């Protein structure tokens, strides 16, 4: 059984901001869905490159130390980029889930509105500015 879709106007906004319109929320949702699709494709390509590099490792047994170090750095760099992309995908999917659940725009720390302007600039935001600043100071 699927819950009825939530109205964009029901999403919280900060004092002085206009309520969300269905068109604005749809624009954010479409942007996030496109981004998630692109991130999934990027992860797939990255996985293939990592697998190819790992496969090359057997043939690199005779490399000198500098070549081996350079190739190790490239593999580690590729893994770091892949992990960052995965984290971005998780944040993007989390935002989409929050839109569907009707909790988009609610700060996950204090429960107050994140702010429509902040979400339009950074659609994956889960914290209001005050909570984000507190988190960064820790």
Protein backbone atom coordinates (compact mmCIF):
# COMPACT_ATOMS: atom_id res chain seq x y z
CA UNK A 1 0.00 0.00 0.00
CA UNK A 2 1.49 3.34 -1.08
CA UNK A 3 0.98 6.49 0.97
CA UNK A 4 -0.70 9.43 -0.71
CA UNK A 5 1.85 11.88 -2.13
CA UNK A 6 2.57 14.84 0.10
CA UNK A 7 1.75 18.31 -1.11
CA UNK A 8 4.67 20.62 -1.77
CA UNK A 9 2.84 23.34 0.19
CA UNK A 10 3.01 21.09 3.29
CA UNK A 11 6.82 21.20 3.36
CA UNK A 12 8.30 23.54 5.97
CA UNK A 13 9.85 26.88 5.04
CA UNK A 14 11.61 29.50 7.12
CA UNK A 15 9.69 32.63 8.18
CA UNK A 16 9.38 35.04 5.27
CA UNK A 17 9.78 32.37 2.58
CA UNK A 18 6.95 31.52 0.20
CA UNK A 19 5.57 27.98 0.50
CA UNK A 20 6.95 25.38 -1.89
CA UNK A 21 5.03 25.13 -5.15
CA UNK A 22 4.48 21.76 -6.83
CA UNK A 23 6.57 23.01 -9.78
CA UNK A 24 9.50 23.97 -7.52
CA UNK A 25 9.48 20.63 -5.74
CA UNK A 26 9.17 18.77 -9.05
CA UNK A 27 12.18 20.71 -10.37
CA UNK A 28 14.24 19.68 -7.31
CA UNK A 29 13.07 16.05 -7.59
CA UNK A 30 13.93 15.86 -11.31
CA UNK A 31 17.35 17.45 -10.67
CA UNK A 32 18.08 14.93 -7.90
CA UNK A 33 16.88 11.98 -10.02
CA UNK A 34 19.10 13.05 -12.95
CA UNK A 35 22.02 13.49 -10.59
CA UNK A 36 21.45 10.05 -9.03
CA UNK A 37 21.38 8.46 -12.50
CA UNK A 38 24.63 10.21 -13.51
CA UNK A 39 26.29 9.19 -10.21
CA UNK A 40 25.26 5.54 -10.70
CA UNK A 41 26.78 5.60 -14.20
CA UNK A 42 29.96 7.20 -12.84
CA UNK A 43 30.21 4.52 -10.14
CA UNK A 44 29.78 1.80 -12.79
CA UNK A 45 32.57 3.27 -14.92
CA UNK A 46 34.79 3.68 -11.88
CA UNK A 47 34.20 0.05 -10.85
CA UNK A 48 35.24 -1.09 -14.32
CA UNK A 49 38.43 1.02 -14.20
CA UNK A 50 39.31 -0.23 -10.72
CA UNK A 51 38.75 -3.84 -11.81
CA UNK A 52 40.94 -3.29 -14.88
CA UNK A 53 43.71 -1.75 -12.77
CA UNK A 54 43.55 -4.60 -10.28
CA UNK A 55 43.76 -7.04 -13.19
CA UNK A 56 46.86 -5.20 -14.42
CA UNK A 57 48.52 -5.71 -11.03
CA UNK A 58 49.64 -9.23 -11.94
CA UNK A 59 51.40 -8.03 -15.08
CA UNK A 60 53.06 -5.18 -13.16
CA UNK A 61 55.14 -7.52 -10.98
CA UNK A 62 58.32 -6.50 -12.82
CA UNK A 63 57.77 -2.73 -12.52
CA UNK A 64 60.42 -0.67 -10.81
CA UNK A 65 59.59 0.98 -7.49
CA UNK A 66 58.65 4.37 -8.99
CA UNK A 67 56.23 2.83 -11.51
CA UNK A 68 54.70 0.60 -8.84
CA UNK A 69 54.25 3.60 -6.49
CA UNK A 70 52.71 5.68 -9.24
CA UNK A 71 50.23 2.95 -10.15
CA UNK A 72 49.38 2.36 -6.48
CA UNK A 73 48.68 6.10 -6.09
CA UNK A 74 46.40 6.03 -9.16
CA UNK A 75 44.45 3.05 -7.76
CA UNK A 76 44.07 4.70 -4.35
CA UNK A 77 42.99 7.96 -5.99
CA UNK A 78 40.39 6.11 -8.07
CA UNK A 79 39.07 4.34 -4.96
CA UNK A 80 38.81 7.65 -3.08
CA UNK A 81 36.89 9.25 -5.96
CA UNK A 82 34.61 6.22 -6.15
CA UNK A 83 33.90 6.43 -2.41
CA UNK A 84 33.12 10.16 -2.68
CA UNK A 85 30.75 9.47 -5.58
CA UNK A 86 29.02 6.73 -3.56
CA UNK A 87 28.57 9.12 -0.62
CA UNK A 88 27.09 11.77 -2.92
CA UNK A 89 24.71 9.17 -4.37
CA UNK A 90 23.60 8.17 -0.85
CA UNK A 91 22.92 11.84 0.01
CA UNK A 92 21.00 12.30 -3.24
CA UNK A 93 18.89 9.18 -2.71
CA UNK A 94 18.26 10.23 0.92
CA UNK A 95 16.92 13.59 -0.32
CA UNK A 96 14.58 11.79 -2.75
CA UNK A 97 13.30 9.54 0.06
CA UNK A 98 12.68 12.63 2.23
CA UNK A 99 10.71 14.27 -0.59
CA UNK A 100 8.51 11.17 -0.92
CA UNK A 101 8.08 10.91 2.86
CA UNK A 102 7.12 14.58 3.20
CA UNK A 103 10.08 15.28 5.52
CA UNK A 104 12.13 17.20 2.97
CA UNK A 105 13.17 20.56 4.39
CA UNK A 106 13.11 19.50 8.05
CA UNK A 107 16.49 19.75 9.82
CA UNK A 108 17.52 16.27 10.93
CA UNK A 109 19.14 17.73 14.04
CA UNK A 110 16.75 20.32 15.49
CA UNK A 111 13.55 19.64 13.51
CA UNK A 112 13.19 23.24 12.33
CA UNK A 113 12.87 24.22 8.64
CA UNK A 114 16.14 24.06 6.70
CA UNK A 115 15.02 26.87 4.44
CA UNK A 116 13.74 26.81 0.91
CA UNK A 117 16.56 29.04 -0.41
CA UNK A 118 19.20 26.73 1.12
CA UNK A 119 17.56 23.66 -0.41
CA UNK A 120 17.29 25.29 -3.81
CA UNK A 121 21.03 26.02 -3.67
CA UNK A 122 21.98 22.67 -2.10
CA UNK A 123 19.12 20.16 -2.55
CA UNK A 124 20.84 17.42 -0.49
CA UNK A 125 21.03 19.55 2.69
CA UNK A 126 19.77 17.73 5.79
CA UNK A 127 20.68 20.39 8.37
CA UNK A 128 19.65 24.02 8.81
CA UNK A 129 22.47 26.57 8.65
CA UNK A 130 22.78 26.85 12.46
CA UNK A 131 23.06 23.06 12.95
CA UNK A 132 25.49 22.74 10.02
CA UNK A 133 27.72 25.44 11.54
CA UNK A 134 27.63 23.66 14.90
CA UNK A 135 28.57 20.37 13.21
CA UNK A 136 31.51 21.96 11.39
CA UNK A 137 32.86 23.53 14.60
CA UNK A 138 33.15 20.09 16.27
